[in-house]
C-alpha atoms as a PDB file:
ATOM      1  CA  UNK A   1      33.302   1.810  40.405  1.00  0.00           C
ATOM      2  CA  UNK A   2      30.433  -0.291  41.641  1.00  0.00           C
ATOM      3  CA  UNK A   3      29.231  -3.083  39.329  1.00  0.00           C
ATOM      4  CA  UNK A   4      25.848  -2.467  37.709  1.00  0.00           C
ATOM      5  CA  UNK A   5      22.670  -4.209  38.802  1.00  0.00           C
ATOM      6  CA  UNK A   6      21.428  -4.128  35.217  1.00  0.00           C
ATOM      7  CA  UNK A   7      20.195  -7.408  33.752  1.00  0.00           C
ATOM      8  CA  UNK A   8      19.278  -7.836  30.080  1.00  0.00           C
ATOM      9  CA  UNK A   9      16.033  -9.566  31.089  1.00  0.00           C
ATOM     10  CA  UNK A  10      14.808  -6.233  32.452  1.00  0.00           C
ATOM     11  CA  UNK A  11      13.964  -5.295  28.860  1.00  0.00           C
ATOM     12  CA  UNK A  12      11.340  -8.038  28.776  1.00  0.00           C
ATOM     13  CA  UNK A  13      10.182  -7.344  32.330  1.00  0.00           C
ATOM     14  CA  UNK A  14       9.377  -3.667  31.813  1.00  0.00           C
ATOM     15  CA  UNK A  15       7.273  -3.961  28.652  1.00  0.00           C
ATOM     16  CA  UNK A  16       4.230  -5.569  30.368  1.00  0.00           C
ATOM     17  CA  UNK A  17       4.465  -3.005  33.168  1.00  0.00           C
ATOM     18  CA  UNK A  18       4.514  -0.092  30.760  1.00  0.00           C
ATOM     19  CA  UNK A  19       1.563  -1.675  28.904  1.00  0.00           C
ATOM     20  CA  UNK A  20      -0.341  -1.168  32.161  1.00  0.00           C
ATOM     21  CA  UNK A  21       0.521   2.537  32.203  1.00  0.00           C
ATOM     22  CA  UNK A  22       3.485   2.429  34.599  1.00  0.00           C
ATOM     23  CA  UNK A  23       5.718   5.493  34.810  1.00  0.00           C
ATOM     24  CA  UNK A  24       9.523   5.484  34.808  1.00  0.00           C
ATOM     25  CA  UNK A  25       9.380   6.034  38.578  1.00  0.00           C
ATOM     26  CA  UNK A  26       7.184   2.960  38.986  1.00  0.00           C
ATOM     27  CA  UNK A  27       9.538   0.938  36.782  1.00  0.00           C
ATOM     28  CA  UNK A  28      12.370   1.951  39.114  1.00  0.00           C
ATOM     29  CA  UNK A  29      10.289   0.812  42.081  1.00  0.00           C
ATOM     30  CA  UNK A  30       9.663  -2.570  40.437  1.00  0.00           C
ATOM     31  CA  UNK A  31      13.364  -3.001  39.621  1.00  0.00           C
ATOM     32  CA  UNK A  32      14.386  -1.684  43.048  1.00  0.00           C
ATOM     33  CA  UNK A  33      16.443   1.177  41.616  1.00  0.00           C
ATOM     34  CA  UNK A  34      16.060   4.943  41.440  1.00  0.00           C
ATOM     35  CA  UNK A  35      15.087   6.949  38.391  1.00  0.00           C
ATOM     36  CA  UNK A  36      18.654   8.134  37.925  1.00  0.00           C
ATOM     37  CA  UNK A  37      19.696   4.490  37.513  1.00  0.00           C
ATOM     38  CA  UNK A  38      16.949   3.926  34.949  1.00  0.00           C
ATOM     39  CA  UNK A  39      18.204   6.914  32.946  1.00  0.00           C
ATOM     40  CA  UNK A  40      21.808   5.767  33.295  1.00  0.00           C
ATOM     41  CA  UNK A  41      20.869   2.321  31.986  1.00  0.00           C
ATOM     42  CA  UNK A  42      19.043   3.957  29.081  1.00  0.00           C
ATOM     43  CA  UNK A  43      22.260   5.753  28.128  1.00  0.00           C
ATOM     44  CA  UNK A  44      24.497   2.731  28.647  1.00  0.00           C
ATOM     45  CA  UNK A  45      22.377  -0.123  27.238  1.00  0.00           C
ATOM     46  CA  UNK A  46      20.762   0.526  23.832  1.00  0.00           C
ATOM     47  CA  UNK A  47      18.436  -2.458  24.196  1.00  0.00           C
ATOM     48  CA  UNK A  48      17.120  -1.026  27.452  1.00  0.00           C
ATOM     49  CA  UNK A  49      16.634   2.392  25.830  1.00  0.00           C
ATOM     50  CA  UNK A  50      14.703   0.713  23.011  1.00  0.00           C
ATOM     51  CA  UNK A  51      12.504  -1.175  25.500  1.00  0.00           C
ATOM     52  CA  UNK A  52      11.748   2.021  27.440  1.00  0.00           C
ATOM     53  CA  UNK A  53      10.899   3.975  24.267  1.00  0.00           C
ATOM     54  CA  UNK A  54       8.646   1.214  23.002  1.00  0.00           C
ATOM     55  CA  UNK A  55       7.105   0.820  26.439  1.00  0.00           C
ATOM     56  CA  UNK A  56       6.378   4.551  26.758  1.00  0.00           C
ATOM     57  CA  UNK A  57       4.291   4.324  23.601  1.00  0.00           C
ATOM     58  CA  UNK A  58       2.357   1.458  25.191  1.00  0.00           C
ATOM     59  CA  UNK A  59       1.966   3.426  28.412  1.00  0.00           C
ATOM     60  CA  UNK A  60       0.611   6.440  26.551  1.00  0.00           C
ATOM     61  CA  UNK A  61      -1.855   4.235  24.675  1.00  0.00           C
ATOM     62  CA  UNK A  62      -2.971   2.664  27.972  1.00  0.00           C
ATOM     63  CA  UNK A  63      -3.641   6.075  29.483  1.00  0.00           C
ATOM     64  CA  UNK A  64      -5.468   7.265  26.365  1.00  0.00           C
ATOM     65  CA  UNK A  65      -7.651   4.175  26.513  1.00  0.00           C
ATOM     66  CA  UNK A  66      -8.432   4.839  30.179  1.00  0.00           C
ATOM     67  CA  UNK A  67      -9.719   8.276  29.252  1.00  0.00           C
ATOM     68  CA  UNK A  68     -11.734   6.937  26.329  1.00  0.00           C
ATOM     69  CA  UNK A  69     -13.446   4.113  28.221  1.00  0.00           C
ATOM     70  CA  UNK A  70     -14.082   6.278  31.291  1.00  0.00           C
ATOM     71  CA  UNK A  71     -15.705   9.233  29.513  1.00  0.00           C
ATOM     72  CA  UNK A  72     -19.253   8.125  30.292  1.00  0.00           C
ATOM     73  CA  UNK A  73     -18.564   7.118  33.883  1.00  0.00           C
ATOM     74  CA  UNK A  74     -20.203   9.359  36.452  1.00  0.00           C
ATOM     75  CA  UNK A  75     -17.111   9.669  38.657  1.00  0.00           C
ATOM     76  CA  UNK A  76     -14.625  10.227  35.791  1.00  0.00           C
ATOM     77  CA  UNK A  77     -12.602  13.390  36.348  1.00  0.00           C
ATOM     78  CA  UNK A  78     -11.514  14.640  32.923  1.00  0.00           C
ATOM     79  CA  UNK A  79      -9.388  17.429  34.405  1.00  0.00           C
ATOM     80  CA  UNK A  80      -7.301  14.994  36.430  1.00  0.00           C
ATOM     81  CA  UNK A  81      -6.935  12.689  33.430  1.00  0.00           C
ATOM     82  CA  UNK A  82      -5.984  15.595  31.163  1.00  0.00           C
ATOM     83  CA  UNK A  83      -3.436  16.996  33.625  1.00  0.00           C
ATOM     84  CA  UNK A  84      -1.900  13.538  33.910  1.00  0.00           C
ATOM     85  CA  UNK A  85      -1.569  13.372  30.123  1.00  0.00           C
ATOM     86  CA  UNK A  86      -0.029  16.860  29.995  1.00  0.00           C
ATOM     87  CA  UNK A  87       2.504  16.098  32.695  1.00  0.00           C
ATOM     88  CA  UNK A  88       3.286  12.529  31.724  1.00  0.00           C
ATOM     89  CA  UNK A  89       3.346  12.844  27.944  1.00  0.00           C
ATOM     90  CA  UNK A  90       4.001  16.522  27.289  1.00  0.00           C
ATOM     91  CA  UNK A  91       0.564  17.387  25.963  1.00  0.00           C
ATOM     92  CA  UNK A  92       0.096  21.116  25.479  1.00  0.00           C
ATOM     93  CA  UNK A  93      -2.871  23.400  25.136  1.00  0.00           C
ATOM     94  CA  UNK A  94      -3.223  24.453  21.538  1.00  0.00           C
ATOM     95  CA  UNK A  95      -3.088  28.184  21.030  1.00  0.00           C
ATOM     96  CA  UNK A  96      -4.038  29.782  17.781  1.00  0.00           C
ATOM     97  CA  UNK A  97      -3.290  33.277  16.620  1.00  0.00           C
ATOM     98  CA  UNK A  98      -5.406  34.822  13.928  1.00  0.00           C
ATOM     99  CA  UNK A  99      -3.934  37.522  11.760  1.00  0.00           C
ATOM    100  CA  UNK A 100      -6.647  40.158  11.367  1.00  0.00           C
ATOM    101  CA  UNK A 101      -4.482  42.499   9.285  1.00  0.00           C
ATOM    102  CA  UNK A 102      -4.814  41.711   5.629  1.00  0.00           C
ATOM    103  CA  UNK A 103      -2.529  43.661   3.330  1.00  0.00           C
ATOM    104  CA  UNK A 104      -2.088  43.182  -0.336  1.00  0.00           C
ATOM    105  CA  UNK A 105       1.629  43.747  -0.630  1.00  0.00           C
ATOM    106  CA  UNK A 106       1.433  44.440  -4.347  1.00  0.00           C
ATOM    107  CA  UNK A 107      -1.058  47.311  -3.782  1.00  0.00           C
ATOM    108  CA  UNK A 108       1.191  48.822  -1.094  1.00  0.00           C
ATOM    109  CA  UNK A 109       4.188  48.561  -3.376  1.00  0.00           C
ATOM    110  CA  UNK A 110       2.207  50.143  -6.212  1.00  0.00           C
ATOM    111  CA  UNK A 111       1.114  53.043  -3.954  1.00  0.00           C
ATOM    112  CA  UNK A 112       4.706  53.580  -2.871  1.00  0.00           C
ATOM    113  CA  UNK A 113       5.970  53.616  -6.452  1.00  0.00           C
ATOM    114  CA  UNK A 114       3.158  55.905  -7.577  1.00  0.00           C
ATOM    115  CA  UNK A 115       3.900  58.387  -4.801  1.00  0.00           C
ATOM    116  CA  UNK A 116       7.588  58.501  -5.722  1.00  0.00           C
ATOM    117  CA  UNK A 117       6.952  58.866  -9.457  1.00  0.00           C
ATOM    118  CA  UNK A 118       4.784  61.943  -8.966  1.00  0.00           C
ATOM    119  CA  UNK A 119       7.579  63.769  -7.109  1.00  0.00           C
END
């Protein structure tokens, strides 16, 4: 088995990058490794997993801030920003279902009992 290229100092190196909105793929590029290696290191090194999780929160906040500060800019494309947030952070469109059938269960039960008592 090949020795790992992992270095504990990567934990400190990735945090500033993720604070700038970097993705996992971009982190791999910076560390000169593929995404599969990043995920392997996350499984194998708890401190690296912790750094990635913490950094993802920073990355999400960075992207949210970009949307907030760009809202009034003429060339801001909210659809592109929104799709990025959906794909990168798992945002979903909210769907609501309204129940238009209102039944008073106690009245139904009473009707049922009344119909059976009269028989």
